[in-house]
């Protein structure tokens, strides 16, 4: 994934895409993921996490191979649709972790996913930037190779794990009612729980701001910044993303568990949102490489959001609902990744570069406002007056 992030907009432009079409290309992947996320989550509750992880990773492999050989923009859209239709490996991995850890250990455990993301953002974009100097397809072949490796390691090394047992009524949703795979209205019931609802809205704010940032940064930098007299391209963006990944490793590594014990997940969640809001705000007014580096440093504080917020969400849901709720967070990510890239492409194509950065900062600030609200009081259970 991190090999493709700095490359895909430029690769699509090479095939004739406008900035607005690049936004739709990213949004198509997310639209397919919107359907697949909850379905894969519920299927994994029944069939186990490992088989569905393998299916998801195989879809990514096929999508990358088609991308590498795409002769035109429409085939590239097809490749992204295939990848998106099987995209659920993050939510499935989170559900697996939730299955095998205690609630008090989940923030630290989800931090390991953060470490993987940090290492991915350190090495993936650097690989992309280095290989893009020769041919734009070379990084895609590298991504496909790593995807094939992920299939093999999951198949050979990952223990099967144990989803919620049947006696815990794993198939029931809110109020014990049985849910079918396509009853989207049933998922809305999770937004009616005061504690969980606020965390889900926070997650949507985070996902929207981050999607605005990731989708628009390559196009923004190409139009706003130059290197040796030429506009920024995948090489320069690859190294900037690698620098961001390097910074993220400090906050999502072993230090995260110590920070959680000292300050708590809720405090770190707020600090992370503040980092995103400030970093994206600085980025909006960036016209030089030093300011871009400063914005990247400040925004890297935002890497605290995902592991802490994911842990807070799982603590608001019963064990038998973990797959559904985490699948729902993947769906919220998809909703954000459908709309945010289209909005980013629309603004950038019309030259509203500063407005793009301020919009990303605004959605992060909304997440901060939600995270700063006081915790809802627990419900008071009254005794039954009947004998």
Protein backbone atom coordinates (compact mmCIF):
# COMPACT_ATOMS: atom_id res chain seq x y z
CA UNK A 1 0.00 0.00 0.00
CA UNK A 2 2.68 2.50 0.93
CA UNK A 3 4.55 1.82 -2.30
CA UNK A 4 1.41 2.80 -4.22
CA UNK A 5 0.39 5.91 -2.23
CA UNK A 6 3.03 8.31 -3.65
CA UNK A 7 2.97 6.67 -7.09
CA UNK A 8 -0.69 6.11 -8.04
CA UNK A 9 -1.70 9.74 -8.79
CA UNK A 10 1.31 10.21 -11.07
CA UNK A 11 0.78 6.80 -12.69
CA UNK A 12 -2.86 7.69 -13.37
CA UNK A 13 -1.89 11.09 -14.80
CA UNK A 14 0.53 9.31 -17.13
CA UNK A 15 -2.46 7.31 -18.44
CA UNK A 16 -4.39 10.54 -19.04
CA UNK A 17 -6.22 11.16 -15.76
CA UNK A 18 -7.03 14.64 -14.47
CA UNK A 19 -6.75 15.54 -10.78
CA UNK A 20 -10.52 15.07 -10.46
CA UNK A 21 -10.32 11.62 -12.12
CA UNK A 22 -7.50 10.67 -9.75
CA UNK A 23 -9.89 11.42 -6.91
CA UNK A 24 -12.52 9.16 -8.45
CA UNK A 25 -9.92 6.43 -8.98
CA UNK A 26 -9.09 6.43 -5.27
CA UNK A 27 -12.78 6.73 -4.41
CA UNK A 28 -13.72 3.69 -6.52
CA UNK A 29 -11.41 1.47 -4.49
CA UNK A 30 -13.05 2.75 -1.32
CA UNK A 31 -16.57 2.31 -2.70
CA UNK A 32 -15.89 -1.38 -3.32
CA UNK A 33 -14.31 -1.62 0.12
CA UNK A 34 -17.42 -0.09 1.66
CA UNK A 35 -19.37 -3.20 0.68
CA UNK A 36 -16.64 -5.71 1.41
CA UNK A 37 -15.58 -4.41 4.85
CA UNK A 38 -18.62 -5.42 6.95
CA UNK A 39 -19.23 -8.55 4.89
CA UNK A 40 -15.71 -9.82 5.43
CA UNK A 41 -15.95 -8.88 9.11
CA UNK A 42 -19.14 -10.90 9.63
CA UNK A 43 -17.88 -13.83 7.56
CA UNK A 44 -14.72 -13.89 9.65
CA UNK A 45 -16.85 -14.04 12.82
CA UNK A 46 -18.29 -17.29 11.43
CA UNK A 47 -15.42 -18.81 9.43
CA UNK A 48 -12.34 -17.48 11.22
CA UNK A 49 -10.01 -14.58 10.53
CA UNK A 50 -7.22 -16.44 8.72
CA UNK A 51 -9.13 -17.71 5.63
CA UNK A 52 -10.63 -14.28 4.99
CA UNK A 53 -7.25 -12.61 5.44
CA UNK A 54 -5.83 -14.83 2.71
CA UNK A 55 -8.73 -14.03 0.36
CA UNK A 56 -8.23 -10.32 0.98
CA UNK A 57 -4.51 -10.47 0.29
CA UNK A 58 -5.01 -12.49 -2.90
CA UNK A 59 -7.34 -9.79 -4.20
CA UNK A 60 -4.68 -7.17 -3.57
CA UNK A 61 -2.10 -9.25 -5.45
CA UNK A 62 -4.37 -9.62 -8.49
CA UNK A 63 -5.20 -5.91 -8.44
CA UNK A 64 -1.53 -4.93 -8.44
CA UNK A 65 -0.70 -7.22 -11.34
CA UNK A 66 -3.51 -5.77 -13.46
CA UNK A 67 -2.39 -2.26 -12.50
CA UNK A 68 1.14 -2.93 -13.73
CA UNK A 69 -0.07 -4.00 -17.17
CA UNK A 70 -2.95 -1.52 -17.53
CA UNK A 71 -2.91 -0.15 -21.11
CA UNK A 72 -5.35 2.66 -20.34
CA UNK A 73 -7.16 4.45 -17.55
CA UNK A 74 -10.26 2.20 -17.64
CA UNK A 75 -8.24 -0.94 -16.95
CA UNK A 76 -6.60 0.89 -14.07
CA UNK A 77 -10.09 1.59 -12.69
CA UNK A 78 -10.88 -2.12 -13.03
CA UNK A 79 -7.74 -3.10 -11.13
CA UNK A 80 -8.61 -0.78 -8.27
CA UNK A 81 -12.15 -2.17 -8.15
CA UNK A 82 -10.83 -5.73 -7.80
CA UNK A 83 -8.45 -4.71 -5.04
CA UNK A 84 -11.17 -2.76 -3.23
CA UNK A 85 -13.72 -5.57 -3.48
CA UNK A 86 -11.49 -7.82 -1.38
CA UNK A 87 -10.01 -5.13 0.83
CA UNK A 88 -10.53 -5.96 4.47
CA UNK A 89 -7.18 -7.12 5.74
CA UNK A 90 -6.75 -4.28 8.24
CA UNK A 91 -10.11 -4.75 9.97
CA UNK A 92 -9.61 -8.53 9.95
CA UNK A 93 -6.17 -8.16 11.50
CA UNK A 94 -7.61 -5.86 14.16
CA UNK A 95 -10.38 -8.36 14.90
CA UNK A 96 -7.77 -11.13 15.21
CA UNK A 97 -5.83 -9.05 17.73
CA UNK A 98 -9.03 -8.31 19.63
CA UNK A 99 -9.74 -12.07 19.79
CA UNK A 100 -6.44 -12.94 21.43
CA UNK A 101 -5.82 -9.98 23.78
CA UNK A 102 -7.33 -8.60 26.97
CA UNK A 103 -9.05 -5.17 26.76
CA UNK A 104 -6.34 -3.49 28.82
CA UNK A 105 -3.64 -4.76 26.42
CA UNK A 106 -5.32 -3.85 23.14
CA UNK A 107 -3.90 -0.34 22.68
CA UNK A 108 -0.40 -1.78 22.93
CA UNK A 109 -1.32 -4.65 20.62
CA UNK A 110 -2.93 -2.34 18.07
CA UNK A 111 0.28 -0.34 18.35
CA UNK A 112 2.02 -3.26 16.64
CA UNK A 113 -0.14 -2.56 13.60
CA UNK A 114 1.03 1.03 14.00
CA UNK A 115 4.62 -0.21 13.93
CA UNK A 116 3.85 -2.13 10.75
CA UNK A 117 2.35 1.02 9.23
CA UNK A 118 5.35 3.04 10.37
CA UNK A 119 7.80 0.57 8.85
CA UNK A 120 5.65 0.43 5.73
CA UNK A 121 5.69 4.22 5.42
CA UNK A 122 9.45 4.18 6.04
CA UNK A 123 10.45 1.55 3.47
CA UNK A 124 7.52 1.46 1.02
CA UNK A 125 7.65 5.05 -0.24
CA UNK A 126 11.46 4.95 -0.32
CA UNK A 127 11.28 1.84 -2.51
CA UNK A 128 8.67 3.57 -4.66
CA UNK A 129 10.76 6.72 -5.05
CA UNK A 130 13.91 4.78 -5.88
CA UNK A 131 12.32 2.45 -8.44
CA UNK A 132 10.17 5.17 -10.05
CA UNK A 133 13.35 6.74 -11.40
CA UNK A 134 13.59 3.88 -13.90
CA UNK A 135 9.99 2.99 -14.76
CA UNK A 136 6.67 3.71 -13.04
CA UNK A 137 5.77 0.01 -13.31
CA UNK A 138 8.79 -1.16 -11.31
CA UNK A 139 7.37 -0.04 -7.93
CA UNK A 140 4.08 -1.79 -8.80
CA UNK A 141 5.90 -5.06 -9.42
CA UNK A 142 7.62 -4.60 -6.05
CA UNK A 143 4.24 -4.06 -4.37
CA UNK A 144 2.86 -7.20 -6.03
CA UNK A 145 5.84 -9.21 -4.80
CA UNK A 146 5.32 -8.04 -1.22
CA UNK A 147 1.61 -8.83 -1.52
CA UNK A 148 2.44 -12.38 -2.59
CA UNK A 149 4.76 -12.64 0.41
CA UNK A 150 1.94 -11.54 2.73
CA UNK A 151 -0.24 -14.37 1.42
CA UNK A 152 2.50 -16.92 2.09
CA UNK A 153 3.34 -15.64 5.58
CA UNK A 154 -0.33 -15.57 6.60
CA UNK A 155 -0.86 -19.11 5.31
CA UNK A 156 2.32 -20.56 6.83
CA UNK A 157 2.87 -18.61 10.05
CA UNK A 158 -0.42 -17.25 11.41
CA UNK A 159 -2.24 -19.51 13.91
CA UNK A 160 -5.95 -19.96 13.09
CA UNK A 161 -7.18 -17.96 16.08
CA UNK A 162 -10.62 -18.25 17.66
CA UNK A 163 -13.52 -15.89 16.84
CA UNK A 164 -16.28 -15.38 19.37
CA UNK A 165 -17.77 -18.78 20.37
CA UNK A 166 -21.23 -19.76 19.24
CA UNK A 167 -22.69 -19.73 22.75
CA UNK A 168 -21.97 -16.01 22.93
CA UNK A 169 -24.49 -15.56 20.11
CA UNK A 170 -21.93 -14.33 17.60
CA UNK A 171 -24.57 -13.99 14.92
CA UNK A 172 -26.75 -11.57 16.84
CA UNK A 173 -26.61 -7.84 16.58
CA UNK A 174 -27.97 -5.09 18.78
CA UNK A 175 -30.66 -6.35 21.11
CA UNK A 176 -29.88 -9.96 20.22
CA UNK A 177 -31.51 -9.63 16.79
CA UNK A 178 -30.02 -11.78 14.05
CA UNK A 179 -28.40 -9.76 11.26
CA UNK A 180 -28.10 -10.63 7.59
CA UNK A 181 -25.05 -9.55 5.64
CA UNK A 182 -26.77 -6.70 3.82
CA UNK A 183 -28.87 -5.18 6.61
CA UNK A 184 -27.07 -1.85 6.64
CA UNK A 185 -29.75 -0.35 8.87
CA UNK A 186 -28.71 -2.76 11.60
CA UNK A 187 -25.20 -1.33 11.60
CA UNK A 188 -26.72 2.11 12.26
CA UNK A 189 -27.81 0.81 15.66
CA UNK A 190 -24.23 1.03 16.83
CA UNK A 191 -24.49 4.81 16.38
CA UNK A 192 -27.31 4.86 18.93
CA UNK A 193 -25.03 3.79 21.77
CA UNK A 194 -23.76 7.02 23.37
CA UNK A 195 -20.21 5.88 24.15
CA UNK A 196 -19.64 3.91 20.96
CA UNK A 197 -21.36 6.45 18.69
CA UNK A 198 -19.02 9.26 19.64
CA UNK A 199 -15.98 7.10 19.02
CA UNK A 200 -17.32 6.11 15.60
CA UNK A 201 -17.87 9.76 14.65
CA UNK A 202 -14.33 10.48 15.81
CA UNK A 203 -13.09 7.68 13.61
CA UNK A 204 -14.95 9.10 10.60
CA UNK A 205 -13.41 12.54 11.22
CA UNK A 206 -9.96 11.00 11.45
CA UNK A 207 -10.47 8.89 8.32
CA UNK A 208 -11.81 11.82 6.29
CA UNK A 209 -8.98 14.18 7.19
CA UNK A 210 -6.33 11.52 6.58
CA UNK A 211 -7.91 10.55 3.23
CA UNK A 212 -7.94 14.21 2.17
CA UNK A 213 -4.26 14.39 3.04
CA UNK A 214 -3.04 11.17 1.43
CA UNK A 215 -5.07 11.58 -1.76
CA UNK A 216 -4.20 15.23 -2.29
CA UNK A 217 -0.56 15.48 -1.17
CA UNK A 218 1.03 14.19 -4.42
CA UNK A 219 -1.11 16.50 -6.58
CA UNK A 220 -0.60 19.40 -4.15
CA UNK A 221 3.18 18.98 -4.07
CA UNK A 222 3.36 18.64 -7.86
CA UNK A 223 1.69 22.05 -8.23
CA UNK A 224 3.16 23.89 -5.23
CA UNK A 225 6.75 22.61 -4.85
CA UNK A 226 9.80 22.14 -7.07
CA UNK A 227 13.06 20.20 -6.85
CA UNK A 228 16.02 21.23 -9.04
CA UNK A 229 13.71 23.38 -11.12
CA UNK A 230 11.19 20.59 -11.76
CA UNK A 231 7.82 19.88 -10.10
CA UNK A 232 7.74 17.33 -7.32
CA UNK A 233 7.18 13.80 -8.61
CA UNK A 234 6.95 10.25 -7.19
CA UNK A 235 10.65 10.20 -6.35
CA UNK A 236 10.49 13.27 -4.09
CA UNK A 237 7.12 12.30 -2.62
CA UNK A 238 8.43 8.81 -1.90
CA UNK A 239 11.19 10.19 0.28
CA UNK A 240 8.84 12.60 2.08
CA UNK A 241 6.50 9.70 2.90
CA UNK A 242 9.49 7.66 4.09
CA UNK A 243 10.44 10.49 6.44
CA UNK A 244 6.89 10.54 7.81
CA UNK A 245 7.08 6.79 8.38
CA UNK A 246 10.36 7.20 10.23
CA UNK A 247 8.74 9.70 12.58
CA UNK A 248 5.70 7.49 13.09
CA UNK A 249 7.85 4.62 14.35
CA UNK A 250 8.81 6.62 17.45
CA UNK A 251 5.21 7.11 18.56
CA UNK A 252 3.82 3.69 17.59
CA UNK A 253 6.68 1.54 18.78
CA UNK A 254 7.41 0.30 22.30
CA UNK A 255 6.92 3.85 23.60
CA UNK A 256 3.17 3.69 22.94
CA UNK A 257 2.50 1.24 25.78
CA UNK A 258 4.41 3.44 28.23
CA UNK A 259 2.61 6.56 27.02
CA UNK A 260 -0.77 4.87 27.46
CA UNK A 261 0.07 3.84 31.02
CA UNK A 262 1.22 7.34 31.91
CA UNK A 263 -1.32 9.55 30.11
CA UNK A 264 -4.17 7.21 29.13
CA UNK A 265 -5.68 6.44 25.76
CA UNK A 266 -8.17 9.32 25.83
CA UNK A 267 -5.46 11.95 26.36
CA UNK A 268 -3.23 10.52 23.65
CA UNK A 269 -6.21 10.36 21.32
CA UNK A 270 -6.78 14.11 21.77
CA UNK A 271 -3.08 14.90 21.33
CA UNK A 272 -3.05 12.92 18.10
CA UNK A 273 -6.02 14.83 16.66
CA UNK A 274 -4.35 18.13 17.62
CA UNK A 275 -1.21 17.04 15.78
CA UNK A 276 -3.14 16.25 12.61
CA UNK A 277 -5.06 19.56 12.72
CA UNK A 278 -1.93 21.65 13.24
CA UNK A 279 0.17 19.73 10.73
CA UNK A 280 -2.41 19.92 7.94
CA UNK A 281 -2.93 23.62 8.72
CA UNK A 282 0.79 24.30 8.26
CA UNK A 283 0.76 22.25 5.06
CA UNK A 284 -1.96 24.46 3.58
CA UNK A 285 0.49 27.40 3.52
CA UNK A 286 3.55 25.41 2.44
CA UNK A 287 5.59 26.79 -0.46
CA UNK A 288 9.03 25.37 0.33
CA UNK A 289 10.67 22.12 1.34
CA UNK A 290 11.64 23.26 4.89
CA UNK A 291 8.00 24.16 5.68
CA UNK A 292 6.86 20.83 4.20
CA UNK A 293 9.25 19.03 6.53
CA UNK A 294 7.96 21.04 9.50
CA UNK A 295 4.35 20.18 8.60
CA UNK A 296 5.30 16.52 8.32
CA UNK A 297 6.91 16.54 11.78
CA UNK A 298 3.88 18.12 13.44
CA UNK A 299 1.39 15.88 11.59
CA UNK A 300 3.34 12.77 12.65
CA UNK A 301 1.95 13.29 16.18
CA UNK A 302 -1.38 12.26 14.67
CA UNK A 303 -0.16 8.67 14.40
CA UNK A 304 -1.32 8.34 18.00
CA UNK A 305 -4.94 8.47 16.85
CA UNK A 306 -5.43 5.13 15.12
CA UNK A 307 -4.19 2.70 17.82
CA UNK A 308 -5.73 4.58 20.75
CA UNK A 309 -9.06 5.24 19.04
CA UNK A 310 -9.32 1.65 17.78
CA UNK A 311 -8.74 0.40 21.31
CA UNK A 312 -11.39 2.76 22.71
CA UNK A 313 -13.88 1.54 20.11
CA UNK A 314 -13.31 -2.14 20.91
CA UNK A 315 -13.77 -1.44 24.61
CA UNK A 316 -17.25 -0.09 23.87
CA UNK A 317 -18.33 -3.31 22.09
CA UNK A 318 -18.92 -6.84 23.34
CA UNK A 319 -16.47 -9.55 22.34
CA UNK A 320 -18.91 -11.24 19.97
CA UNK A 321 -19.36 -7.92 18.15
CA UNK A 322 -15.68 -7.20 17.57
CA UNK A 323 -15.66 -8.38 13.95
CA UNK A 324 -18.79 -6.38 13.10
CA UNK A 325 -17.68 -3.19 14.84
CA UNK A 326 -14.19 -3.26 13.38
CA UNK A 327 -15.69 -4.05 9.99
CA UNK A 328 -17.85 -0.97 10.53
CA UNK A 329 -14.75 1.16 11.14
CA UNK A 330 -13.40 -0.15 7.85
CA UNK A 331 -16.67 0.93 6.24
CA UNK A 332 -16.32 4.40 7.77
CA UNK A 333 -12.82 4.51 6.32
CA UNK A 334 -14.30 3.60 2.94
CA UNK A 335 -16.96 6.32 3.20
CA UNK A 336 -14.20 8.84 3.89
CA UNK A 337 -12.01 7.49 1.11
CA UNK A 338 -14.88 7.75 -1.38
CA UNK A 339 -15.75 11.37 -0.69
CA UNK A 340 -12.46 12.88 0.51
CA UNK A 341 -10.30 12.08 -2.57
CA UNK A 342 -13.02 13.36 -4.89
CA UNK A 343 -13.22 16.58 -2.88
CA UNK A 344 -9.41 16.84 -2.81
CA UNK A 345 -9.18 16.32 -6.57
CA UNK A 346 -11.95 18.85 -7.19
CA UNK A 347 -10.21 21.53 -5.09
CA UNK A 348 -6.74 20.88 -6.49
CA UNK A 349 -7.86 20.79 -10.11
CA UNK A 350 -9.37 24.25 -9.59
CA UNK A 351 -6.22 25.56 -7.92
CA UNK A 352 -7.68 25.79 -4.41
CA UNK A 353 -4.52 24.37 -2.87
CA UNK A 354 -4.63 26.24 0.42
CA UNK A 355 -8.32 25.36 0.80
CA UNK A 356 -7.46 21.67 0.40
CA UNK A 357 -5.05 21.78 3.34
CA UNK A 358 -7.42 23.80 5.51
CA UNK A 359 -10.26 21.36 4.78
CA UNK A 360 -8.12 18.43 5.95
CA UNK A 361 -7.19 20.40 9.08
CA UNK A 362 -10.84 21.26 9.70
CA UNK A 363 -11.95 17.62 9.74
CA UNK A 364 -9.11 16.76 12.13
CA UNK A 365 -10.20 19.66 14.36
CA UNK A 366 -13.73 18.22 14.36
CA UNK A 367 -12.31 14.93 15.62
CA UNK A 368 -10.47 16.83 18.35
CA UNK A 369 -13.70 18.54 19.40
CA UNK A 370 -15.50 15.20 19.65
CA UNK A 371 -12.63 13.62 21.57
CA UNK A 372 -12.61 16.54 24.03
CA UNK A 373 -16.24 16.09 25.06
CA UNK A 374 -16.82 14.72 28.58
CA UNK A 375 -17.40 11.00 28.88
CA UNK A 376 -21.09 9.96 29.02
CA UNK A 377 -22.21 8.80 32.43
CA UNK A 378 -22.81 5.05 32.72
CA UNK A 379 -26.42 3.93 32.74
CA UNK A 380 -27.96 3.33 36.18
CA UNK A 381 -29.50 -0.12 36.49
CA UNK A 382 -32.63 -0.10 38.67
CA UNK A 383 -33.62 -3.23 40.55
CA UNK A 384 -36.78 -5.04 39.48
CA UNK A 385 -39.57 -4.01 41.92
CA UNK A 386 -41.43 -7.25 41.32
CA UNK A 387 -41.04 -10.08 43.91
